Amino acid sequence: MSVTVHFITPDGASAQAEAREGDNLLRVAQAAGMPLEGTCEGQMACSTCHVIVTPEWFDRLAEPSEEEEDMLDLATGAGPTSRLACQIDLEARLDGLTVNIPAESRDMQNI
């Protein structure tokens, strides 16, 4: 099944990406051209894939682990609905998920 993800960029533009169940949000965002670096390649050793999940979707996600919460403490601009994109595996129930890309996000690999 296909899962649609909506990204809102720091300048307010929106982009949509189609993913498959089981795809990881970080990889989907990168494939869609979003500026999420993912320096640690999803090993939860950085916060360069920090996203802000819209409130209506936040409670539908699995609870963040303590390790993820520790990494989010290091993320610039983190808020109550912040998550690491590398820790979100897409499922059918997340079809339509909307996330904001923080203004502080940079993909230094594509500069």
Protein backbone atom coordinates (compact mmCIF):
# COMPACT_ATOMS: atom_id res chain seq x y z
CA MET A 1 0.00 0.00 0.00
CA SER A 2 1.13 3.53 -0.73
CA VAL A 3 1.53 6.08 2.06
CA THR A 4 1.34 9.77 1.24
CA VAL A 5 3.48 12.17 3.25
CA HIS A 6 3.11 15.95 3.15
CA PHE A 7 6.12 18.13 3.91
CA ILE A 8 5.89 21.82 4.75
CA THR A 9 9.15 23.62 4.09
CA PRO A 10 10.48 26.49 6.21
CA ASP A 11 9.26 29.00 3.62
CA GLY A 12 5.72 27.61 3.79
CA ALA A 13 5.79 25.67 0.53
CA SER A 14 4.39 22.16 0.53
CA ALA A 15 5.66 19.03 -1.12
CA GLN A 16 4.13 15.58 -1.29
CA ALA A 17 5.88 12.23 -1.46
CA GLU A 18 4.58 8.73 -1.99
CA ALA A 19 6.14 5.96 0.06
CA ARG A 20 5.56 2.29 0.72
CA GLU A 21 4.60 0.83 4.05
CA GLY A 22 7.77 0.17 6.02
CA ASP A 23 9.71 3.03 4.40
CA ASN A 24 11.55 5.29 6.80
CA LEU A 25 10.50 8.96 6.90
CA LEU A 26 14.12 10.20 6.72
CA ARG A 27 14.79 8.34 3.48
CA VAL A 28 11.45 9.46 2.00
CA ALA A 29 12.16 13.10 2.93
CA GLN A 30 15.65 12.96 1.42
CA ALA A 31 14.30 11.40 -1.79
CA ALA A 32 11.75 14.24 -1.95
CA GLY A 33 14.55 16.82 -1.73
CA MET A 34 13.91 17.93 1.84
CA PRO A 35 16.97 19.42 3.61
CA LEU A 36 17.36 16.70 6.23
CA GLU A 37 20.96 15.59 6.50
CA GLY A 38 20.67 12.47 8.64
CA THR A 39 24.38 12.61 9.49
CA CYS A 40 24.29 9.41 11.54
CA GLU A 41 22.36 7.57 8.81
CA GLY A 42 19.49 6.72 11.13
CA GLN A 43 21.54 5.43 14.07
CA MET A 44 19.97 8.01 16.43
CA ALA A 45 23.35 9.59 17.19
CA CYS A 46 22.45 13.11 16.01
CA SER A 47 19.43 15.34 15.51
CA THR A 48 19.98 16.41 11.90
CA CYS A 49 16.74 14.76 10.79
CA HIS A 50 14.57 16.65 13.28
CA VAL A 51 11.04 17.32 12.01
CA ILE A 52 7.99 18.86 13.64
CA VAL A 53 4.93 16.66 13.26
CA THR A 54 1.66 18.53 12.95
CA PRO A 55 -0.37 18.17 16.16
CA GLU A 56 -3.20 16.18 14.55
CA TRP A 57 -0.70 13.48 13.53
CA PHE A 58 1.64 13.47 16.52
CA ASP A 59 -0.45 11.19 18.75
CA ARG A 60 -0.78 8.62 15.96
CA LEU A 61 2.97 7.92 16.03
CA ALA A 62 4.58 5.32 18.25
CA GLU A 63 5.98 6.78 21.46
CA PRO A 64 9.55 8.09 21.13
CA SER A 65 12.20 6.14 22.99
CA GLU A 66 14.19 7.74 25.78
CA GLU A 67 17.21 7.82 23.44
CA GLU A 68 15.21 9.72 20.83
CA GLU A 69 14.02 12.21 23.43
CA ASP A 70 17.64 12.73 24.50
CA MET A 71 18.65 13.50 20.91
CA LEU A 72 15.69 15.87 20.50
CA ASP A 73 17.00 17.81 23.50
CA LEU A 74 19.95 18.71 21.25
CA ALA A 75 17.83 19.76 18.25
CA THR A 76 17.62 23.47 17.51
CA GLY A 77 14.02 24.65 17.51
CA ALA A 78 12.60 21.45 19.00
CA GLY A 79 9.07 21.64 20.33
CA PRO A 80 6.40 19.42 21.86
CA THR A 81 5.65 17.61 18.58
CA SER A 82 9.26 17.20 17.44
CA ARG A 83 10.51 13.81 16.30
CA LEU A 84 13.53 12.37 14.52
CA ALA A 85 12.51 11.38 11.00
CA CYS A 86 14.83 8.38 11.16
CA GLN A 87 12.67 6.92 13.92
CA ILE A 88 9.38 7.07 12.02
CA ASP A 89 8.58 4.00 9.95
CA LEU A 90 5.59 4.61 7.73
CA GLU A 91 2.47 2.49 8.09
CA ALA A 92 -0.89 2.57 6.32
CA ARG A 93 -2.44 4.31 9.34
CA LEU A 94 -0.02 7.22 8.72
CA ASP A 95 -1.31 7.88 5.19
CA GLY A 96 -1.52 11.68 4.93
CA LEU A 97 1.11 12.36 7.62
CA THR A 98 2.13 16.01 7.62
CA VAL A 99 5.48 17.22 8.97
CA ASN A 100 7.17 20.60 9.04
CA ILE A 101 10.82 20.95 8.15
CA PRO A 102 12.40 23.28 10.75
CA ALA A 103 13.98 26.51 9.48
CA GLU A 104 17.28 25.39 11.02
CA SER A 105 17.45 22.28 8.82
CA ARG A 106 20.38 22.04 6.43
CA ASP A 107 21.66 19.21 4.33
CA MET A 108 25.37 19.98 4.26
CA GLN A 109 25.89 17.16 1.77
CA ASN A 110 23.91 19.09 -0.87
CA ILE A 111 25.37 22.57 -0.50
